Amino acid sequence: MPTDPPDVHRRELPPLPALASFLAAVETSSFSRAAQRMALTQSAISRQIALLEDWLGTPLFERRGRRVTPTPAAIAYAAAIGPAVERVRSATRRLLLPPDDRALTIATLPSFGMRWLAPRLPGLTARHPELLVNFAARSYPFDFGEERFDAAIHFGLPDWPGADHALLFHEDVVAVCSPDWLARHPVAHPADLPPAALLSLEARPDAWGRWFAAAGLADATAEGPVYEHFLMLAHAAAAGMGVALIPSFLIRPELAAGTLVTPLAVTLSAREAYYLVWPRGGVRSPLFDRFRDWLLAEAASEA
């Protein structure tokens, strides 16, 4: 059976530091914020991004002065490799660190983890310095019997098989776009939205239909690109790709900065909500109870 030559395999595996820097830059849309996250200098991040662009033979960011914007290709690439890089990190961490009875491992929805959970973790450390909590990204429910997680963040109904649920909060979903896109496509009514410009989330294919129904319209369709994560949607909308439906709590920085605006006042609310879930019938440690109580207290501010 023929096999690929070794240089092909090397070509398909870019350097991990470059990938990590690239993911941080896509998630933050800023080389300086990516540098802070990675504990590197901004020039080091720039060098890593340039190395990856040279390796791939394609630009990954549009550079306008000090502002950088991920290209659509970069957004798609980040969505594809992000979970794999996180699994490499998690596996390496488990290998290098000795077992620790203080440690909890929590699976979280990627955008929820980056935008809502991560900024609150210093508060958890300050309140419970005895706790060590590891996080990994998971977008869909899994079997707790097959995955080594103490708990997970779930969006939907309280229907995770074999799990107990604690309600965190519901969400309000709004339609957002860039100011430039809105200037080019004046919108006064939901019917004015062009179907080809409606950006969708892969996990919520019916979101636009529900939004239009809430606006009093039937049979409207979304024909624009589909993205895997909310932050990809936010980047695409901010880059002028079209209009996206995104929970407002996930895009507060963009709304405050004006890089995203809400062209219409229609808000979509639903029965689905965010839950903390954990294996039913399992033995819970006091450490988990402390984490759960802290998380519920934080979530009360969103309710």
C-alpha atoms as a PDB file:
ATOM      1  CA  MET A   1       0.000   0.000   0.000  1.00  0.00           C
ATOM      2  CA  PRO A   2       1.495   3.400  -0.963  1.00  0.00           C
ATOM      3  CA  THR A   3       2.250   5.848   1.821  1.00  0.00           C
ATOM      4  CA  ASP A   4       2.847   9.566   1.829  1.00  0.00           C
ATOM      5  CA  PRO A   5       6.485  10.648   2.023  1.00  0.00           C
ATOM      6  CA  PRO A   6       7.641  11.989   5.405  1.00  0.00           C
ATOM      7  CA  ASP A   7       7.903  15.574   4.135  1.00  0.00           C
ATOM      8  CA  VAL A   8       4.161  15.573   3.349  1.00  0.00           C
ATOM      9  CA  HIS A   9       3.333  14.771   6.982  1.00  0.00           C
ATOM     10  CA  ARG A  10       5.714  17.476   8.196  1.00  0.00           C
ATOM     11  CA  ARG A  11       4.104  19.962   5.815  1.00  0.00           C
ATOM     12  CA  GLU A  12       0.648  19.197   7.238  1.00  0.00           C
ATOM     13  CA  LEU A  13       1.715  19.877  10.867  1.00  0.00           C
ATOM     14  CA  PRO A  14       2.564  23.562  11.441  1.00  0.00           C
ATOM     15  CA  PRO A  15       4.520  24.445  14.602  1.00  0.00           C
ATOM     16  CA  LEU A  16       2.295  24.276  17.675  1.00  0.00           C
ATOM     17  CA  PRO A  17       3.474  27.650  19.111  1.00  0.00           C
ATOM     18  CA  ALA A  18       2.394  29.317  15.870  1.00  0.00           C
ATOM     19  CA  LEU A  19      -1.001  27.611  16.031  1.00  0.00           C
ATOM     20  CA  ALA A  20      -1.490  28.617  19.670  1.00  0.00           C
ATOM     21  CA  SER A  21      -0.595  32.244  18.902  1.00  0.00           C
ATOM     22  CA  PHE A  22      -2.897  32.209  15.879  1.00  0.00           C
ATOM     23  CA  LEU A  23      -5.854  30.885  17.908  1.00  0.00           C
ATOM     24  CA  ALA A  24      -5.335  33.512  20.603  1.00  0.00           C
ATOM     25  CA  ALA A  25      -5.205  36.247  17.968  1.00  0.00           C
ATOM     26  CA  VAL A  26      -8.399  35.038  16.285  1.00  0.00           C
ATOM     27  CA  GLU A  27     -10.240  34.786  19.602  1.00  0.00           C
ATOM     28  CA  THR A  28      -9.209  38.305  20.672  1.00  0.00           C
ATOM     29  CA  SER A  29      -8.951  40.026  17.243  1.00  0.00           C
ATOM     30  CA  SER A  30      -5.851  41.683  18.651  1.00  0.00           C
ATOM     31  CA  PHE A  31      -2.157  40.808  18.607  1.00  0.00           C
ATOM     32  CA  SER A  32      -1.597  42.784  21.815  1.00  0.00           C
ATOM     33  CA  ARG A  33      -4.384  40.980  23.725  1.00  0.00           C
ATOM     34  CA  ALA A  34      -3.182  37.669  22.310  1.00  0.00           C
ATOM     35  CA  ALA A  35       0.295  38.506  23.625  1.00  0.00           C
ATOM     36  CA  GLN A  36      -1.125  39.170  27.089  1.00  0.00           C
ATOM     37  CA  ARG A  37      -2.985  35.851  27.039  1.00  0.00           C
ATOM     38  CA  MET A  38       0.096  33.937  25.865  1.00  0.00           C
ATOM     39  CA  ALA A  39       2.513  35.809  28.170  1.00  0.00           C
ATOM     40  CA  LEU A  40       4.539  36.870  25.115  1.00  0.00           C
ATOM     41  CA  THR A  41       5.439  40.172  23.515  1.00  0.00           C
ATOM     42  CA  GLN A  42       3.316  41.575  20.709  1.00  0.00           C
ATOM     43  CA  SER A  43       6.253  41.251  18.311  1.00  0.00           C
ATOM     44  CA  ALA A  44       6.569  37.568  19.237  1.00  0.00           C
ATOM     45  CA  ILE A  45       2.904  37.026  18.376  1.00  0.00           C
ATOM     46  CA  SER A  46       3.406  38.875  15.085  1.00  0.00           C
ATOM     47  CA  ARG A  47       6.384  36.653  14.242  1.00  0.00           C
ATOM     48  CA  GLN A  48       4.425  33.495  15.029  1.00  0.00           C
ATOM     49  CA  ILE A  49       1.497  34.650  12.862  1.00  0.00           C
ATOM     50  CA  ALA A  50       3.867  35.540  10.022  1.00  0.00           C
ATOM     51  CA  LEU A  51       5.505  32.109  10.353  1.00  0.00           C
ATOM     52  CA  LEU A  52       2.126  30.395  10.088  1.00  0.00           C
ATOM     53  CA  GLU A  53       1.048  32.557   7.136  1.00  0.00           C
ATOM     54  CA  ASP A  54       4.306  31.666   5.371  1.00  0.00           C
ATOM     55  CA  TRP A  55       3.823  27.981   6.232  1.00  0.00           C
ATOM     56  CA  LEU A  56       0.256  27.934   4.895  1.00  0.00           C
ATOM     57  CA  GLY A  57       0.974  30.250   1.985  1.00  0.00           C
ATOM     58  CA  THR A  58      -2.041  32.460   2.694  1.00  0.00           C
ATOM     59  CA  PRO A  59      -2.750  35.635   4.678  1.00  0.00           C
ATOM     60  CA  LEU A  60      -4.704  35.052   7.896  1.00  0.00           C
ATOM     61  CA  PHE A  61      -5.316  38.624   9.044  1.00  0.00           C
ATOM     62  CA  GLU A  62      -6.162  41.919   7.413  1.00  0.00           C
ATOM     63  CA  ARG A  63      -3.881  44.560   8.899  1.00  0.00           C
ATOM     64  CA  ARG A  64      -5.115  48.145   9.009  1.00  0.00           C
ATOM     65  CA  GLY A  65      -2.742  50.189  11.106  1.00  0.00           C
ATOM     66  CA  ARG A  66      -2.804  48.671  14.574  1.00  0.00           C
ATOM     67  CA  ARG A  67      -6.099  46.852  13.939  1.00  0.00           C
ATOM     68  CA  VAL A  68      -6.145  43.263  12.731  1.00  0.00           C
ATOM     69  CA  THR A  69      -9.158  41.306  11.481  1.00  0.00           C
ATOM     70  CA  PRO A  70      -9.154  37.542  10.860  1.00  0.00           C
ATOM     71  CA  THR A  71      -9.905  36.603   7.267  1.00  0.00           C
ATOM     72  CA  PRO A  72     -12.826  34.231   6.581  1.00  0.00           C
ATOM     73  CA  ALA A  73     -10.249  31.508   5.878  1.00  0.00           C
ATOM     74  CA  ALA A  74      -8.615  32.162   9.259  1.00  0.00           C
ATOM     75  CA  ILE A  75     -11.956  31.968  11.063  1.00  0.00           C
ATOM     76  CA  ALA A  76     -12.764  28.634   9.428  1.00  0.00           C
ATOM     77  CA  TYR A  77      -9.253  27.284  10.130  1.00  0.00           C
ATOM     78  CA  ALA A  78      -9.411  28.346  13.788  1.00  0.00           C
ATOM     79  CA  ALA A  79     -12.756  26.590  14.223  1.00  0.00           C
ATOM     80  CA  ALA A  80     -11.366  23.401  12.732  1.00  0.00           C
ATOM     81  CA  ILE A  81      -8.100  23.210  14.683  1.00  0.00           C
ATOM     82  CA  GLY A  82      -9.136  24.843  17.965  1.00  0.00           C
ATOM     83  CA  PRO A  83     -10.649  21.711  19.589  1.00  0.00           C
ATOM     84  CA  ALA A  84      -7.663  19.615  18.459  1.00  0.00           C
ATOM     85  CA  VAL A  85      -5.126  22.042  19.949  1.00  0.00           C
ATOM     86  CA  GLU A  86      -7.116  22.120  23.198  1.00  0.00           C
ATOM     87  CA  ARG A  87      -7.038  18.297  23.328  1.00  0.00           C
ATOM     88  CA  VAL A  88      -3.253  18.376  22.878  1.00  0.00           C
ATOM     89  CA  ARG A  89      -3.017  20.877  25.753  1.00  0.00           C
ATOM     90  CA  SER A  90      -5.265  18.785  27.986  1.00  0.00           C
ATOM     91  CA  ALA A  91      -3.486  15.523  27.232  1.00  0.00           C
ATOM     92  CA  THR A  92      -0.094  17.119  27.861  1.00  0.00           C
ATOM     93  CA  ARG A  93      -1.300  18.661  31.110  1.00  0.00           C
ATOM     94  CA  ARG A  94      -2.561  15.289  32.340  1.00  0.00           C
ATOM     95  CA  LEU A  95       0.748  13.664  31.435  1.00  0.00           C
ATOM     96  CA  LEU A  96       2.981  16.297  33.049  1.00  0.00           C
ATOM     97  CA  LEU A  97       1.017  17.089  36.187  1.00  0.00           C
ATOM     98  CA  PRO A  98       0.708  14.542  38.969  1.00  0.00           C
ATOM     99  CA  PRO A  99      -2.798  13.599  40.115  1.00  0.00           C
ATOM    100  CA  ASP A 100      -4.196  16.265  42.399  1.00  0.00           C
ATOM    101  CA  ASP A 101      -7.217  15.782  44.623  1.00  0.00           C
ATOM    102  CA  ARG A 102      -7.826  19.526  44.344  1.00  0.00           C
ATOM    103  CA  ALA A 103      -8.414  19.376  40.585  1.00  0.00           C
ATOM    104  CA  LEU A 104     -11.773  19.468  38.798  1.00  0.00           C
ATOM    105  CA  THR A 105     -12.117  19.063  35.037  1.00  0.00           C
ATOM    106  CA  ILE A 106     -15.025  20.900  33.407  1.00  0.00           C
ATOM    107  CA  ALA A 107     -16.169  20.755  29.781  1.00  0.00           C
ATOM    108  CA  THR A 108     -17.487  24.063  28.483  1.00  0.00           C
ATOM    109  CA  LEU A 109     -19.047  25.395  25.322  1.00  0.00           C
ATOM    110  CA  PRO A 110     -16.190  27.236  23.553  1.00  0.00           C
ATOM    111  CA  SER A 111     -17.717  30.715  23.252  1.00  0.00           C
ATOM    112  CA  PHE A 112     -19.290  30.521  26.721  1.00  0.00           C
ATOM    113  CA  GLY A 113     -15.950  29.486  28.178  1.00  0.00           C
ATOM    114  CA  MET A 114     -13.966  32.248  26.496  1.00  0.00           C
ATOM    115  CA  ARG A 115     -16.379  35.135  26.901  1.00  0.00           C
ATOM    116  CA  TRP A 116     -18.389  34.461  30.059  1.00  0.00           C
ATOM    117  CA  LEU A 117     -16.472  31.976  32.172  1.00  0.00           C
ATOM    118  CA  ALA A 118     -12.797  32.880  31.677  1.00  0.00           C
ATOM    119  CA  PRO A 119     -13.084  36.515  32.859  1.00  0.00           C
ATOM    120  CA  ARG A 120     -14.673  35.296  36.114  1.00  0.00           C
ATOM    121  CA  LEU A 121     -12.030  32.705  36.991  1.00  0.00           C
ATOM    122  CA  PRO A 122      -9.799  35.128  38.957  1.00  0.00           C
ATOM    123  CA  GLY A 123     -12.788  35.588  41.273  1.00  0.00           C
ATOM    124  CA  LEU A 124     -13.028  31.830  41.732  1.00  0.00           C
ATOM    125  CA  THR A 125      -9.334  31.629  42.614  1.00  0.00           C
ATOM    126  CA  ALA A 126      -9.665  34.492  45.076  1.00  0.00           C
ATOM    127  CA  ARG A 127     -12.646  32.867  46.783  1.00  0.00           C
ATOM    128  CA  HIS A 128     -11.377  29.274  46.669  1.00  0.00           C
ATOM    129  CA  PRO A 129      -7.575  29.229  46.344  1.00  0.00           C
ATOM    130  CA  GLU A 130      -7.661  25.536  47.225  1.00  0.00           C
ATOM    131  CA  LEU A 131      -9.456  24.765  43.946  1.00  0.00           C
ATOM    132  CA  LEU A 132      -7.675  23.821  40.729  1.00  0.00           C
ATOM    133  CA  VAL A 133     -10.149  23.796  37.832  1.00  0.00           C
ATOM    134  CA  ASN A 134      -9.158  22.619  34.357  1.00  0.00           C
ATOM    135  CA  PHE A 135     -11.368  23.452  31.373  1.00  0.00           C
ATOM    136  CA  ALA A 136     -11.714  21.891  27.936  1.00  0.00           C
ATOM    137  CA  ALA A 137     -13.936  22.869  25.018  1.00  0.00           C
ATOM    138  CA  ARG A 138     -16.821  20.595  24.050  1.00  0.00           C
ATOM    139  CA  SER A 139     -19.645  21.693  21.755  1.00  0.00           C
ATOM    140  CA  TYR A 140     -21.995  18.732  22.126  1.00  0.00           C
ATOM    141  CA  PRO A 141     -23.179  16.379  24.910  1.00  0.00           C
ATOM    142  CA  PHE A 142     -21.030  13.336  25.607  1.00  0.00           C
ATOM    143  CA  ASP A 143     -21.117  10.264  27.815  1.00  0.00           C
ATOM    144  CA  PHE A 144     -19.692  11.047  31.247  1.00  0.00           C
ATOM    145  CA  GLY A 145     -18.827   7.359  31.511  1.00  0.00           C
ATOM    146  CA  GLU A 146     -16.442   7.681  28.570  1.00  0.00           C
ATOM    147  CA  GLU A 147     -15.008  11.165  29.192  1.00  0.00           C
ATOM    148  CA  ARG A 148     -13.024  12.209  32.270  1.00  0.00           C
ATOM    149  CA  PHE A 149     -15.030  15.278  33.216  1.00  0.00           C
ATOM    150  CA  ASP A 150     -16.534  16.193  36.562  1.00  0.00           C
ATOM    151  CA  ALA A 151     -19.170  18.411  34.945  1.00  0.00           C
ATOM    152  CA  ALA A 152     -20.055  20.306  31.772  1.00  0.00           C
ATOM    153  CA  ILE A 153     -21.733  23.491  30.595  1.00  0.00           C
ATOM    154  CA  HIS A 154     -24.790  22.613  28.521  1.00  0.00           C
ATOM    155  CA  PHE A 155     -27.104  24.765  26.412  1.00  0.00           C
ATOM    156  CA  GLY A 156     -30.538  23.403  25.634  1.00  0.00           C
ATOM    157  CA  LEU A 157     -33.239  21.730  27.670  1.00  0.00           C
ATOM    158  CA  PRO A 158     -32.492  19.841  30.919  1.00  0.00           C
ATOM    159  CA  ASP A 159     -32.174  16.622  28.911  1.00  0.00           C
ATOM    160  CA  TRP A 160     -28.493  15.565  29.132  1.00  0.00           C
ATOM    161  CA  PRO A 161     -28.680  11.749  29.457  1.00  0.00           C
ATOM    162  CA  GLY A 162     -27.655  10.407  32.856  1.00  0.00           C
ATOM    163  CA  ALA A 163     -26.947  13.853  34.311  1.00  0.00           C
ATOM    164  CA  ASP A 164     -28.246  16.182  36.986  1.00  0.00           C
ATOM    165  CA  HIS A 165     -28.851  19.791  35.941  1.00  0.00           C
ATOM    166  CA  ALA A 166     -28.511  23.161  37.652  1.00  0.00           C
ATOM    167  CA  LEU A 167     -30.005  26.100  35.739  1.00  0.00           C
ATOM    168  CA  LEU A 168     -27.571  28.947  35.130  1.00  0.00           C
ATOM    169  CA  PHE A 169     -29.522  31.434  33.011  1.00  0.00           C
ATOM    170  CA  HIS A 170     -31.491  31.990  29.812  1.00  0.00           C
ATOM    171  CA  GLU A 171     -30.230  34.163  26.968  1.00  0.00           C
ATOM    172  CA  ASP A 172     -31.507  36.952  24.734  1.00  0.00           C
ATOM    173  CA  VAL A 173     -30.421  36.592  21.107  1.00  0.00           C
ATOM    174  CA  VAL A 174     -30.092  39.706  18.954  1.00  0.00           C
ATOM    175  CA  ALA A 175     -29.337  40.336  15.291  1.00  0.00           C
ATOM    176  CA  VAL A 176     -26.024  42.173  14.832  1.00  0.00           C
ATOM    177  CA  CYS A 177     -23.887  43.448  11.985  1.00  0.00           C
ATOM    178  CA  SER A 178     -21.032  45.878  11.412  1.00  0.00           C
ATOM    179  CA  PRO A 179     -21.753  49.603  11.053  1.00  0.00           C
ATOM    180  CA  ASP A 180     -20.238  49.501   7.549  1.00  0.00           C
ATOM    181  CA  TRP A 181     -22.547  46.683   6.474  1.00  0.00           C
ATOM    182  CA  LEU A 182     -25.563  48.549   7.840  1.00  0.00           C
ATOM    183  CA  ALA A 183     -24.523  51.691   5.960  1.00  0.00           C
ATOM    184  CA  ARG A 184     -24.417  49.692   2.733  1.00  0.00           C
ATOM    185  CA  HIS A 185     -27.668  47.804   3.447  1.00  0.00           C
ATOM    186  CA  PRO A 186     -30.165  50.074   5.231  1.00  0.00           C
ATOM    187  CA  VAL A 187     -32.570  47.962   7.296  1.00  0.00           C
ATOM    188  CA  ALA A 188     -35.855  49.310   8.626  1.00  0.00           C
ATOM    189  CA  HIS A 189     -37.817  46.047   8.918  1.00  0.00           C
ATOM    190  CA  PRO A 190     -36.920  42.342   9.275  1.00  0.00           C
ATOM    191  CA  ALA A 191     -38.185  41.767   5.736  1.00  0.00           C
ATOM    192  CA  ASP A 192     -35.374  44.042   4.487  1.00  0.00           C
ATOM    193  CA  LEU A 193     -32.690  41.511   5.494  1.00  0.00           C
ATOM    194  CA  PRO A 194     -31.265  39.772   2.395  1.00  0.00           C
ATOM    195  CA  PRO A 195     -31.320  35.952   2.862  1.00  0.00           C
ATOM    196  CA  ALA A 196     -27.778  35.552   1.491  1.00  0.00           C
ATOM    197  CA  ALA A 197     -26.421  37.849   4.218  1.00  0.00           C
ATOM    198  CA  LEU A 198     -27.926  35.912   7.130  1.00  0.00           C
ATOM    199  CA  LEU A 199     -25.092  34.131   8.958  1.00  0.00           C
ATOM    200  CA  SER A 200     -25.989  30.995  10.913  1.00  0.00           C
ATOM    201  CA  LEU A 201     -24.600  28.818  13.691  1.00  0.00           C
ATOM    202  CA  GLU A 202     -24.186  25.163  12.810  1.00  0.00           C
ATOM    203  CA  ALA A 203     -25.730  23.984  16.088  1.00  0.00           C
ATOM    204  CA  ARG A 204     -28.806  26.229  15.681  1.00  0.00           C
ATOM    205  CA  PRO A 205     -30.041  25.829  12.093  1.00  0.00           C
ATOM    206  CA  ASP A 206     -33.561  26.992  12.990  1.00  0.00           C
ATOM    207  CA  ALA A 207     -32.528  30.205  14.774  1.00  0.00           C
ATOM    208  CA  TRP A 208     -33.368  32.576  11.926  1.00  0.00           C
ATOM    209  CA  GLY A 209     -36.731  30.933  11.358  1.00  0.00           C
ATOM    210  CA  ARG A 210     -37.561  31.396  15.040  1.00  0.00           C
ATOM    211  CA  TRP A 211     -36.297  34.991  14.984  1.00  0.00           C
ATOM    212  CA  PHE A 212     -38.437  35.855  11.976  1.00  0.00           C
ATOM    213  CA  ALA A 213     -41.431  34.182  13.621  1.00  0.00           C
ATOM    214  CA  ALA A 214     -40.865  36.366  16.695  1.00  0.00           C
ATOM    215  CA  ALA A 215     -40.844  39.352  14.306  1.00  0.00           C
ATOM    216  CA  GLY A 216     -44.188  38.278  12.837  1.00  0.00           C
ATOM    217  CA  LEU A 217     -42.830  36.906   9.549  1.00  0.00           C
ATOM    218  CA  ALA A 218     -43.257  33.403   8.174  1.00  0.00           C
ATOM    219  CA  ASP A 219     -41.380  31.394   5.535  1.00  0.00           C
ATOM    220  CA  ALA A 220     -38.213  33.530   5.723  1.00  0.00           C
ATOM    221  CA  THR A 221     -34.996  31.649   4.977  1.00  0.00           C
ATOM    222  CA  ALA A 222     -31.309  32.107   5.786  1.00  0.00           C
ATOM    223  CA  GLU A 223     -28.975  31.380   2.882  1.00  0.00           C
ATOM    224  CA  GLY A 224     -25.686  32.788   4.160  1.00  0.00           C
ATOM    225  CA  PRO A 225     -22.574  31.000   5.482  1.00  0.00           C
ATOM    226  CA  VAL A 226     -22.717  28.664   8.474  1.00  0.00           C
ATOM    227  CA  TYR A 227     -20.184  28.840  11.338  1.00  0.00           C
ATOM    228  CA  GLU A 228     -19.317  26.442  14.146  1.00  0.00           C
ATOM    229  CA  HIS A 229     -18.934  28.841  17.097  1.00  0.00           C
ATOM    230  CA  PHE A 230     -20.526  32.115  18.186  1.00  0.00           C
ATOM    231  CA  LEU A 231     -17.201  33.950  18.268  1.00  0.00           C
ATOM    232  CA  MET A 232     -16.650  32.969  14.632  1.00  0.00           C
ATOM    233  CA  LEU A 233     -20.075  34.450  13.905  1.00  0.00           C
ATOM    234  CA  ALA A 234     -19.138  37.626  15.753  1.00  0.00           C
ATOM    235  CA  HIS A 235     -15.852  37.984  13.848  1.00  0.00           C
ATOM    236  CA  ALA A 236     -17.604  37.361  10.520  1.00  0.00           C
ATOM    237  CA  ALA A 237     -20.324  39.915  11.278  1.00  0.00           C
ATOM    238  CA  ALA A 238     -17.776  42.499  12.465  1.00  0.00           C
ATOM    239  CA  ALA A 239     -15.821  41.929   9.232  1.00  0.00           C
ATOM    240  CA  GLY A 240     -18.900  42.860   7.196  1.00  0.00           C
ATOM    241  CA  MET A 241     -19.958  39.394   6.075  1.00  0.00           C
ATOM    242  CA  GLY A 242     -23.599  39.985   7.010  1.00  0.00           C
ATOM    243  CA  VAL A 243     -26.012  39.752   9.940  1.00  0.00           C
ATOM    244  CA  ALA A 244     -25.648  37.197  12.745  1.00  0.00           C
ATOM    245  CA  LEU A 245     -27.870  36.047  15.592  1.00  0.00           C
ATOM    246  CA  ILE A 246     -25.783  36.014  18.774  1.00  0.00           C
ATOM    247  CA  PRO A 247     -26.628  35.977  22.498  1.00  0.00           C
ATOM    248  CA  SER A 248     -26.111  39.526  23.703  1.00  0.00           C
ATOM    249  CA  PHE A 249     -24.068  38.498  26.768  1.00  0.00           C
ATOM    250  CA  LEU A 250     -21.385  37.002  24.500  1.00  0.00           C
ATOM    251  CA  ILE A 251     -20.749  40.200  22.525  1.00  0.00           C
ATOM    252  CA  ARG A 252     -20.869  42.945  25.119  1.00  0.00           C
ATOM    253  CA  PRO A 253     -17.332  44.158  24.240  1.00  0.00           C
ATOM    254  CA  GLU A 254     -18.207  44.466  20.541  1.00  0.00           C
ATOM    255  CA  LEU A 255     -21.502  46.214  21.270  1.00  0.00           C
ATOM    256  CA  ALA A 256     -19.800  48.618  23.680  1.00  0.00           C
ATOM    257  CA  ALA A 257     -17.010  49.355  21.192  1.00  0.00           C
ATOM    258  CA  GLY A 258     -19.444  49.788  18.307  1.00  0.00           C
ATOM    259  CA  THR A 259     -17.812  47.142  16.108  1.00  0.00           C
ATOM    260  CA  LEU A 260     -21.192  45.381  16.161  1.00  0.00           C
ATOM    261  CA  VAL A 261     -24.573  47.115  16.150  1.00  0.00           C
ATOM    262  CA  THR A 262     -28.172  45.922  16.382  1.00  0.00           C
ATOM    263  CA  PRO A 263     -30.091  47.098  13.301  1.00  0.00           C
ATOM    264  CA  LEU A 264     -33.463  45.870  14.623  1.00  0.00           C
ATOM    265  CA  ALA A 265     -35.026  45.669  18.081  1.00  0.00           C
ATOM    266  CA  VAL A 266     -36.330  42.102  17.728  1.00  0.00           C
ATOM    267  CA  THR A 267     -35.036  39.823  20.514  1.00  0.00           C
ATOM    268  CA  LEU A 268     -35.295  36.044  20.472  1.00  0.00           C
ATOM    269  CA  SER A 269     -35.901  34.274  23.775  1.00  0.00           C
ATOM    270  CA  ALA A 270     -36.531  30.549  24.083  1.00  0.00           C
ATOM    271  CA  ARG A 271     -37.071  27.669  26.500  1.00  0.00           C
ATOM    272  CA  GLU A 272     -33.449  26.602  26.135  1.00  0.00           C
ATOM    273  CA  ALA A 273     -30.982  27.775  28.751  1.00  0.00           C
ATOM    274  CA  TYR A 274     -27.458  27.262  30.046  1.00  0.00           C
ATOM    275  CA  TYR A 275     -27.028  24.518  32.644  1.00  0.00           C
ATOM    276  CA  LEU A 276     -24.260  23.054  34.730  1.00  0.00           C
ATOM    277  CA  VAL A 277     -24.572  19.271  34.367  1.00  0.00           C
ATOM    278  CA  TRP A 278     -22.775  16.447  36.177  1.00  0.00           C
ATOM    279  CA  PRO A 279     -23.064  12.636  36.315  1.00  0.00           C
ATOM    280  CA  ARG A 280     -26.209  11.503  38.095  1.00  0.00           C
ATOM    281  CA  GLY A 281     -25.617   9.257  41.080  1.00  0.00           C
ATOM    282  CA  GLY A 282     -21.879   9.856  41.196  1.00  0.00           C
ATOM    283  CA  VAL A 283     -19.904  10.691  44.306  1.00  0.00           C
ATOM    284  CA  ARG A 284     -19.450  14.467  44.416  1.00  0.00           C
ATOM    285  CA  SER A 285     -16.533  15.961  46.277  1.00  0.00           C
ATOM    286  CA  PRO A 286     -16.884  19.018  48.506  1.00  0.00           C
ATOM    287  CA  LEU A 287     -14.646  20.783  45.983  1.00  0.00           C
ATOM    288  CA  PHE A 288     -17.217  20.268  43.243  1.00  0.00           C
ATOM    289  CA  ASP A 289     -19.958  21.611  45.496  1.00  0.00           C
ATOM    290  CA  ARG A 290     -17.888  24.755  46.078  1.00  0.00           C
ATOM    291  CA  PHE A 291     -17.380  25.220  42.362  1.00  0.00           C
ATOM    292  CA  ARG A 292     -21.088  24.653  41.656  1.00  0.00           C
ATOM    293  CA  ASP A 293     -22.152  27.125  44.350  1.00  0.00           C
ATOM    294  CA  TRP A 294     -19.711  29.741  43.037  1.00  0.00           C
ATOM    295  CA  LEU A 295     -20.893  29.254  39.440  1.00  0.00           C
ATOM    296  CA  LEU A 296     -24.566  29.539  40.412  1.00  0.00           C
ATOM    297  CA  ALA A 297     -23.843  32.744  42.327  1.00  0.00           C
ATOM    298  CA  GLU A 298     -22.073  34.200  39.283  1.00  0.00           C
ATOM    299  CA  ALA A 299     -24.903  33.121  36.990  1.00  0.00           C
ATOM    300  CA  ALA A 300     -27.470  34.876  39.184  1.00  0.00           C
ATOM    301  CA  SER A 301     -26.164  38.184  37.811  1.00  0.00           C
ATOM    302  CA  GLU A 302     -27.304  37.125  34.318  1.00  0.00           C
ATOM    303  CA  ALA A 303     -30.754  35.894  35.329  1.00  0.00           C
END
